[in-house]
Amino acid sequence: MHPLFSVGKNGLTQAWLDQLTGALEKRELIKINLQQSAEASVEDTKKFIEQGTDIQVVQTIGRVLVLYRPATDEENQRISSVVENM
């Protein structure tokens, strides 16, 4: 899986967070990457995401964060249905 979003010099914004939420509605699990030019740290990014949404940061690997949010539409619930049965 390759990162779909990145955090760069524009930083963390509500519009960026809304885009994450939309992408997670379709995929449930995505990666984001912090570019070298990003002023935000991994910890800042994690706090920003988790405070403003119901998105969970399930893993961090260096400057990459893995995000999870169950889809509300049953058609898109490929991962959450597996997680639910664990």
C-alpha atoms as a PDB file:
ATOM      1  CA  MET A   1       0.000   0.000   0.000  1.00  0.00           C
ATOM      2  CA  HIS A   2       1.387   3.406  -0.981  1.00  0.00           C
ATOM      3  CA  PRO A   3       0.615   6.663   0.853  1.00  0.00           C
ATOM      4  CA  LEU A   4      -2.393   8.453  -0.672  1.00  0.00           C
ATOM      5  CA  PHE A   5      -1.957  11.770   1.122  1.00  0.00           C
ATOM      6  CA  SER A   6       0.950  13.782   2.367  1.00  0.00           C
ATOM      7  CA  VAL A   7       1.558  16.617   4.768  1.00  0.00           C
ATOM      8  CA  GLY A   8       3.786  19.303   3.322  1.00  0.00           C
ATOM      9  CA  LYS A   9       4.551  22.947   3.837  1.00  0.00           C
ATOM     10  CA  ASN A  10       0.832  23.843   3.760  1.00  0.00           C
ATOM     11  CA  GLY A  11       0.446  21.998   7.046  1.00  0.00           C
ATOM     12  CA  LEU A  12      -2.637  20.552   8.652  1.00  0.00           C
ATOM     13  CA  THR A  13      -5.959  22.093   7.639  1.00  0.00           C
ATOM     14  CA  GLN A  14      -9.630  21.253   8.001  1.00  0.00           C
ATOM     15  CA  ALA A  15      -9.934  20.822   4.214  1.00  0.00           C
ATOM     16  CA  TRP A  16      -7.115  18.251   4.278  1.00  0.00           C
ATOM     17  CA  LEU A  17      -8.843  16.448   7.151  1.00  0.00           C
ATOM     18  CA  ASP A  18     -12.128  16.397   5.205  1.00  0.00           C
ATOM     19  CA  GLN A  19     -10.307  14.800   2.254  1.00  0.00           C
ATOM     20  CA  LEU A  20      -8.924  12.099   4.562  1.00  0.00           C
ATOM     21  CA  THR A  21     -12.399  11.342   5.859  1.00  0.00           C
ATOM     22  CA  GLY A  22     -13.741  11.008   2.307  1.00  0.00           C
ATOM     23  CA  ALA A  23     -10.917   8.697   1.267  1.00  0.00           C
ATOM     24  CA  LEU A  24     -11.398   6.529   4.333  1.00  0.00           C
ATOM     25  CA  GLU A  25     -15.115   6.214   3.568  1.00  0.00           C
ATOM     26  CA  LYS A  26     -14.135   4.436   0.345  1.00  0.00           C
ATOM     27  CA  ARG A  27     -11.065   2.482   1.546  1.00  0.00           C
ATOM     28  CA  GLU A  28     -11.209   2.259   5.376  1.00  0.00           C
ATOM     29  CA  LEU A  29      -7.402   1.976   5.597  1.00  0.00           C
ATOM     30  CA  ILE A  30      -4.908   4.444   4.105  1.00  0.00           C
ATOM     31  CA  LYS A  31      -1.365   5.677   4.568  1.00  0.00           C
ATOM     32  CA  ILE A  32      -0.213   9.270   4.732  1.00  0.00           C
ATOM     33  CA  ASN A  33       3.338  10.559   4.456  1.00  0.00           C
ATOM     34  CA  LEU A  34       4.959  13.573   6.120  1.00  0.00           C
ATOM     35  CA  GLN A  35       7.199  15.303   3.602  1.00  0.00           C
ATOM     36  CA  GLN A  36      10.577  16.660   4.629  1.00  0.00           C
ATOM     37  CA  SER A  37       9.206  20.207   4.196  1.00  0.00           C
ATOM     38  CA  ALA A  38       6.366  19.578   6.684  1.00  0.00           C
ATOM     39  CA  GLU A  39       6.507  21.715   9.787  1.00  0.00           C
ATOM     40  CA  ALA A  40       4.230  19.312  11.675  1.00  0.00           C
ATOM     41  CA  SER A  41       5.736  16.321  13.454  1.00  0.00           C
ATOM     42  CA  VAL A  42       4.347  12.797  13.343  1.00  0.00           C
ATOM     43  CA  GLU A  43       2.940  13.288  16.858  1.00  0.00           C
ATOM     44  CA  ASP A  44       1.351  16.657  15.928  1.00  0.00           C
ATOM     45  CA  THR A  45      -0.265  15.081  12.884  1.00  0.00           C
ATOM     46  CA  LYS A  46      -1.575  12.140  14.891  1.00  0.00           C
ATOM     47  CA  LYS A  47      -3.115  14.447  17.513  1.00  0.00           C
ATOM     48  CA  PHE A  48      -4.657  16.697  14.843  1.00  0.00           C
ATOM     49  CA  ILE A  49      -6.293  13.741  13.096  1.00  0.00           C
ATOM     50  CA  GLU A  50      -7.550  11.971  16.219  1.00  0.00           C
ATOM     51  CA  GLN A  51      -8.866  15.120  17.949  1.00  0.00           C
ATOM     52  CA  GLY A  52     -10.904  16.333  14.988  1.00  0.00           C
ATOM     53  CA  THR A  53     -12.369  13.044  13.717  1.00  0.00           C
ATOM     54  CA  ASP A  54     -13.207   9.441  14.550  1.00  0.00           C
ATOM     55  CA  ILE A  55     -10.169   8.323  12.517  1.00  0.00           C
ATOM     56  CA  GLN A  56      -7.691   6.096  14.355  1.00  0.00           C
ATOM     57  CA  VAL A  57      -3.957   6.200  13.725  1.00  0.00           C
ATOM     58  CA  VAL A  58      -3.216   2.482  13.963  1.00  0.00           C
ATOM     59  CA  GLN A  59       0.492   2.549  13.154  1.00  0.00           C
ATOM     60  CA  THR A  60       3.379   4.905  12.548  1.00  0.00           C
ATOM     61  CA  ILE A  61       6.490   3.911  10.639  1.00  0.00           C
ATOM     62  CA  GLY A  62       9.014   6.726  10.492  1.00  0.00           C
ATOM     63  CA  ARG A  63       7.191   9.594   8.766  1.00  0.00           C
ATOM     64  CA  VAL A  64       4.299   7.421   7.546  1.00  0.00           C
ATOM     65  CA  LEU A  65       1.006   7.058   9.426  1.00  0.00           C
ATOM     66  CA  VAL A  66      -1.538   4.295   8.809  1.00  0.00           C
ATOM     67  CA  LEU A  67      -5.127   5.441   9.358  1.00  0.00           C
ATOM     68  CA  TYR A  68      -8.290   3.415   9.886  1.00  0.00           C
ATOM     69  CA  ARG A  69     -11.943   4.390   9.983  1.00  0.00           C
ATOM     70  CA  PRO A  70     -14.859   1.999   9.383  1.00  0.00           C
ATOM     71  CA  ALA A  71     -16.964   2.948   6.369  1.00  0.00           C
ATOM     72  CA  THR A  72     -20.595   3.840   6.955  1.00  0.00           C
ATOM     73  CA  ASP A  73     -21.666   2.383   3.581  1.00  0.00           C
ATOM     74  CA  GLU A  74     -21.861  -1.423   3.672  1.00  0.00           C
ATOM     75  CA  GLU A  75     -20.475  -1.653   0.121  1.00  0.00           C
ATOM     76  CA  ASN A  76     -17.189  -0.200   1.344  1.00  0.00           C
ATOM     77  CA  GLN A  77     -16.857  -2.289   4.513  1.00  0.00           C
ATOM     78  CA  ARG A  78     -14.257  -4.753   3.279  1.00  0.00           C
ATOM     79  CA  ILE A  79     -11.766  -4.285   6.103  1.00  0.00           C
ATOM     80  CA  SER A  80     -14.132  -3.457   8.972  1.00  0.00           C
ATOM     81  CA  SER A  81     -16.141  -6.630   8.376  1.00  0.00           C
ATOM     82  CA  VAL A  82     -12.932  -8.672   8.768  1.00  0.00           C
ATOM     83  CA  VAL A  83     -11.888  -6.709  11.861  1.00  0.00           C
ATOM     84  CA  GLU A  84     -15.327  -7.190  13.393  1.00  0.00           C
ATOM     85  CA  ASN A  85     -15.025 -10.987  13.065  1.00  0.00           C
ATOM     86  CA  MET A  86     -11.641 -11.130  14.830  1.00  0.00           C
END
